[in-house]
Each structure stands twice: as C-alpha cells, then as structure tokens.
Amino acid sequence: SRFETCWPALMKDSHGVVIVFNPELPSHLKEIEMWYSCFVQQQPLQDSQCLLVAHHKPGHAGDTENLTLASPLNKLKLIHSNLEEDPEDVRMEFVKYFRSIINLLNESRDREEMSIIS
C-alpha cells in the first residue's frame, strides 16, 4: 500500500489483471481481495479479464485442491504454478489468458468501428 499513489498510473488503460500470490501465506489470501477490489472491481474490467496465480515455491508441494477463496474471488480463473514441476502448463494458461484479452480487445474495437460506420 505504500505505492498506492502509483496505482492510477498502473490501472490507466489496462485491459487485464494478473494477481500472483503465495497460497501458503494466510495474509496473501486476504490481500488478494484488496487487489481484486482495487484493480478489477473499481475499474471497468470483467472477471474474465482477471487471472489469479497461486504460486507454489520450489520444494513446497502445496495443496492445490483445497484452496478456499473469498466469495468474489472464487469465480475467477485460478491457476496453480510451480515452475519446477509444470512450467509448460503455466505457460499454456498464460497464453490462453492473453488470447482471451486480445479477443476482448478485438471485439471492442469492432463494435466501436461499427458504431462509427452506422
């Protein structure tokens, strides 16, 4: 929060938000609610434009099945990352996420162009 004055610059013209957190730290589970509220809900972004990444540190197995998120967060796309075990899976999920953002931008641009033509 000490960089909160910079947040508007980070949010300006953003089309997506990726929130990376350590699921083994209870404080992070609370903090991601604040990040979601500030960077997604208070912006004109849809939930589909947000990706949650539960990053597991190397050497920590982590529980990928029983992660409980607060109500507004449990409907977001969540991926578990462990770059030692499954870097390709994480890369593929990022590619899918970025493609969805690009598709949203293209659809928005097409609608804007059609409204100008009409």
C-alpha atoms as a PDB file:
ATOM      1  CA  SER A   1       0.000   0.000   0.000  1.00  0.00           C
ATOM      2  CA  ARG A   2       2.974   2.354   0.258  1.00  0.00           C
ATOM      3  CA  PHE A   3       2.902   2.629  -3.556  1.00  0.00           C
ATOM      4  CA  GLU A   4      -0.831   3.283  -3.666  1.00  0.00           C
ATOM      5  CA  THR A   5      -0.268   6.726  -5.191  1.00  0.00           C
ATOM      6  CA  CYS A   6       1.167   4.969  -8.278  1.00  0.00           C
ATOM      7  CA  TRP A   7      -1.824   2.665  -8.739  1.00  0.00           C
ATOM      8  CA  PRO A   8      -3.802   5.007 -11.029  1.00  0.00           C
ATOM      9  CA  ALA A   9      -0.876   5.032 -13.463  1.00  0.00           C
ATOM     10  CA  LEU A  10      -0.787   1.213 -13.401  1.00  0.00           C
ATOM     11  CA  MET A  11      -4.532   0.975 -13.959  1.00  0.00           C
ATOM     12  CA  LYS A  12      -4.766   3.531 -16.764  1.00  0.00           C
ATOM     13  CA  ASP A  13      -5.855   1.849 -19.979  1.00  0.00           C
ATOM     14  CA  SER A  14      -5.360  -1.629 -18.506  1.00  0.00           C
ATOM     15  CA  HIS A  15      -7.154  -4.488 -20.199  1.00  0.00           C
ATOM     16  CA  GLY A  16      -6.349  -7.245 -17.758  1.00  0.00           C
ATOM     17  CA  VAL A  17      -5.037  -8.020 -14.303  1.00  0.00           C
ATOM     18  CA  VAL A  18      -2.860 -10.929 -13.196  1.00  0.00           C
ATOM     19  CA  ILE A  19      -2.669 -11.366  -9.419  1.00  0.00           C
ATOM     20  CA  VAL A  20       0.118 -13.653  -8.231  1.00  0.00           C
ATOM     21  CA  PHE A  21       0.090 -14.777  -4.606  1.00  0.00           C
ATOM     22  CA  ASN A  22       1.539 -17.355  -2.257  1.00  0.00           C
ATOM     23  CA  PRO A  23      -1.373 -19.596  -1.174  1.00  0.00           C
ATOM     24  CA  GLU A  24       0.638 -20.809   1.822  1.00  0.00           C
ATOM     25  CA  LEU A  25       0.510 -17.355   3.444  1.00  0.00           C
ATOM     26  CA  PRO A  26      -2.868 -16.549   5.019  1.00  0.00           C
ATOM     27  CA  SER A  27      -2.114 -12.819   4.728  1.00  0.00           C
ATOM     28  CA  HIS A  28      -1.887 -13.176   0.939  1.00  0.00           C
ATOM     29  CA  LEU A  29      -5.366 -14.690   0.793  1.00  0.00           C
ATOM     30  CA  LYS A  30      -6.700 -11.525   2.450  1.00  0.00           C
ATOM     31  CA  GLU A  31      -4.560  -9.189   0.345  1.00  0.00           C
ATOM     32  CA  ILE A  32      -5.768 -10.571  -2.970  1.00  0.00           C
ATOM     33  CA  GLU A  33      -9.293  -9.458  -2.032  1.00  0.00           C
ATOM     34  CA  MET A  34      -7.992  -5.891  -1.759  1.00  0.00           C
ATOM     35  CA  TRP A  35      -6.079  -6.158  -5.041  1.00  0.00           C
ATOM     36  CA  TYR A  36      -9.162  -7.548  -6.779  1.00  0.00           C
ATOM     37  CA  SER A  37     -11.354  -4.785  -5.396  1.00  0.00           C
ATOM     38  CA  CYS A  38      -8.954  -2.002  -6.426  1.00  0.00           C
ATOM     39  CA  PHE A  39      -7.699  -3.299  -9.752  1.00  0.00           C
ATOM     40  CA  VAL A  40     -10.719  -5.175 -11.126  1.00  0.00           C
ATOM     41  CA  GLN A  41     -13.964  -4.134  -9.450  1.00  0.00           C
ATOM     42  CA  GLN A  42     -13.203  -0.397  -9.358  1.00  0.00           C
ATOM     43  CA  GLN A  43     -12.105  -0.458 -13.000  1.00  0.00           C
ATOM     44  CA  PRO A  44     -14.305  -1.200 -15.958  1.00  0.00           C
ATOM     45  CA  LEU A  45     -12.945  -4.763 -16.102  1.00  0.00           C
ATOM     46  CA  GLN A  46     -14.863  -8.016 -16.234  1.00  0.00           C
ATOM     47  CA  ASP A  47     -13.957 -11.006 -14.108  1.00  0.00           C
ATOM     48  CA  SER A  48     -12.788 -12.780 -17.260  1.00  0.00           C
ATOM     49  CA  GLN A  49     -10.061 -10.132 -17.545  1.00  0.00           C
ATOM     50  CA  CYS A  50      -8.531 -11.240 -14.232  1.00  0.00           C
ATOM     51  CA  LEU A  51      -6.273 -14.222 -13.693  1.00  0.00           C
ATOM     52  CA  LEU A  52      -5.262 -15.486 -10.248  1.00  0.00           C
ATOM     53  CA  VAL A  53      -1.975 -17.348  -9.994  1.00  0.00           C
ATOM     54  CA  ALA A  54      -1.353 -19.341  -6.805  1.00  0.00           C
ATOM     55  CA  HIS A  55       2.408 -19.667  -6.978  1.00  0.00           C
ATOM     56  CA  HIS A  56       3.951 -22.513  -5.012  1.00  0.00           C
ATOM     57  CA  LYS A  57       7.595 -22.059  -4.138  1.00  0.00           C
ATOM     58  CA  PRO A  58      10.054 -24.744  -5.218  1.00  0.00           C
ATOM     59  CA  GLY A  59      10.210 -27.544  -2.687  1.00  0.00           C
ATOM     60  CA  HIS A  60       6.737 -26.850  -1.290  1.00  0.00           C
ATOM     61  CA  ALA A  61       4.095 -29.227  -2.509  1.00  0.00           C
ATOM     62  CA  GLY A  62       1.160 -27.046  -1.507  1.00  0.00           C
ATOM     63  CA  ASP A  63      -2.474 -28.065  -1.534  1.00  0.00           C
ATOM     64  CA  THR A  64      -3.828 -27.302  -4.986  1.00  0.00           C
ATOM     65  CA  GLU A  65      -7.180 -28.968  -4.381  1.00  0.00           C
ATOM     66  CA  ASN A  66      -8.410 -27.352  -1.165  1.00  0.00           C
ATOM     67  CA  LEU A  67      -7.629 -23.662  -1.671  1.00  0.00           C
ATOM     68  CA  THR A  68     -10.635 -21.696  -0.432  1.00  0.00           C
ATOM     69  CA  LEU A  69     -11.038 -18.175  -1.759  1.00  0.00           C
ATOM     70  CA  ALA A  70     -13.438 -15.455  -0.637  1.00  0.00           C
ATOM     71  CA  SER A  71     -16.753 -15.177  -2.461  1.00  0.00           C
ATOM     72  CA  PRO A  72     -15.899 -12.601  -5.134  1.00  0.00           C
ATOM     73  CA  LEU A  73     -12.634 -14.388  -5.944  1.00  0.00           C
ATOM     74  CA  ASN A  74     -13.951 -17.927  -6.261  1.00  0.00           C
ATOM     75  CA  LYS A  75     -15.481 -17.185  -9.680  1.00  0.00           C
ATOM     76  CA  LEU A  76     -12.173 -16.029 -11.195  1.00  0.00           C
ATOM     77  CA  LYS A  77      -9.861 -18.168 -13.298  1.00  0.00           C
ATOM     78  CA  LEU A  78      -7.267 -19.662 -10.917  1.00  0.00           C
ATOM     79  CA  ILE A  79      -4.132 -21.496 -11.900  1.00  0.00           C
ATOM     80  CA  HIS A  80      -1.537 -23.089  -9.663  1.00  0.00           C
ATOM     81  CA  SER A  81       2.047 -22.560 -10.664  1.00  0.00           C
ATOM     82  CA  ASN A  82       5.135 -24.462  -9.707  1.00  0.00           C
ATOM     83  CA  LEU A  83       7.833 -23.682 -12.208  1.00  0.00           C
ATOM     84  CA  GLU A  84       9.928 -26.685 -11.217  1.00  0.00           C
ATOM     85  CA  GLU A  85       7.196 -29.202 -11.894  1.00  0.00           C
ATOM     86  CA  ASP A  86       4.950 -27.767 -14.608  1.00  0.00           C
ATOM     87  CA  PRO A  87       6.382 -24.714 -16.390  1.00  0.00           C
ATOM     88  CA  GLU A  88       4.726 -25.676 -19.665  1.00  0.00           C
ATOM     89  CA  ASP A  89       1.263 -25.841 -18.058  1.00  0.00           C
ATOM     90  CA  VAL A  90       1.736 -22.364 -16.600  1.00  0.00           C
ATOM     91  CA  ARG A  91       2.908 -21.018 -19.961  1.00  0.00           C
ATOM     92  CA  MET A  92      -0.113 -22.517 -21.726  1.00  0.00           C
ATOM     93  CA  GLU A  93      -2.508 -20.982 -19.197  1.00  0.00           C
ATOM     94  CA  PHE A  94      -0.906 -17.556 -19.700  1.00  0.00           C
ATOM     95  CA  VAL A  95      -1.212 -17.942 -23.463  1.00  0.00           C
ATOM     96  CA  LYS A  96      -4.929 -18.785 -23.114  1.00  0.00           C
ATOM     97  CA  TYR A  97      -5.441 -15.804 -20.811  1.00  0.00           C
ATOM     98  CA  PHE A  98      -3.657 -13.380 -23.164  1.00  0.00           C
ATOM     99  CA  ARG A  99      -5.619 -14.713 -26.129  1.00  0.00           C
ATOM    100  CA  SER A 100      -8.872 -14.056 -24.288  1.00  0.00           C
ATOM    101  CA  ILE A 101      -7.769 -10.472 -23.556  1.00  0.00           C
ATOM    102  CA  ILE A 102      -6.811  -9.936 -27.216  1.00  0.00           C
ATOM    103  CA  ASN A 103     -10.195 -11.328 -28.314  1.00  0.00           C
ATOM    104  CA  LEU A 104     -11.993  -8.913 -25.984  1.00  0.00           C
ATOM    105  CA  LEU A 105      -9.969  -6.013 -27.378  1.00  0.00           C
ATOM    106  CA  ASN A 106     -10.695  -7.037 -30.966  1.00  0.00           C
ATOM    107  CA  GLU A 107     -14.422  -7.367 -30.257  1.00  0.00           C
ATOM    108  CA  SER A 108     -14.459  -3.968 -28.567  1.00  0.00           C
ATOM    109  CA  ARG A 109     -12.610  -2.367 -31.487  1.00  0.00           C
ATOM    110  CA  ASP A 110     -15.003  -3.994 -33.975  1.00  0.00           C
ATOM    111  CA  ARG A 111     -18.033  -2.680 -32.056  1.00  0.00           C
ATOM    112  CA  GLU A 112     -16.509   0.798 -31.948  1.00  0.00           C
ATOM    113  CA  GLU A 113     -15.810   0.743 -35.693  1.00  0.00           C
ATOM    114  CA  MET A 114     -19.355  -0.420 -36.428  1.00  0.00           C
ATOM    115  CA  SER A 115     -20.813   2.351 -34.267  1.00  0.00           C
ATOM    116  CA  ILE A 116     -18.764   4.907 -36.239  1.00  0.00           C
ATOM    117  CA  ILE A 117     -19.912   3.457 -39.564  1.00  0.00           C
ATOM    118  CA  SER A 118     -23.581   3.282 -38.523  1.00  0.00           C
END
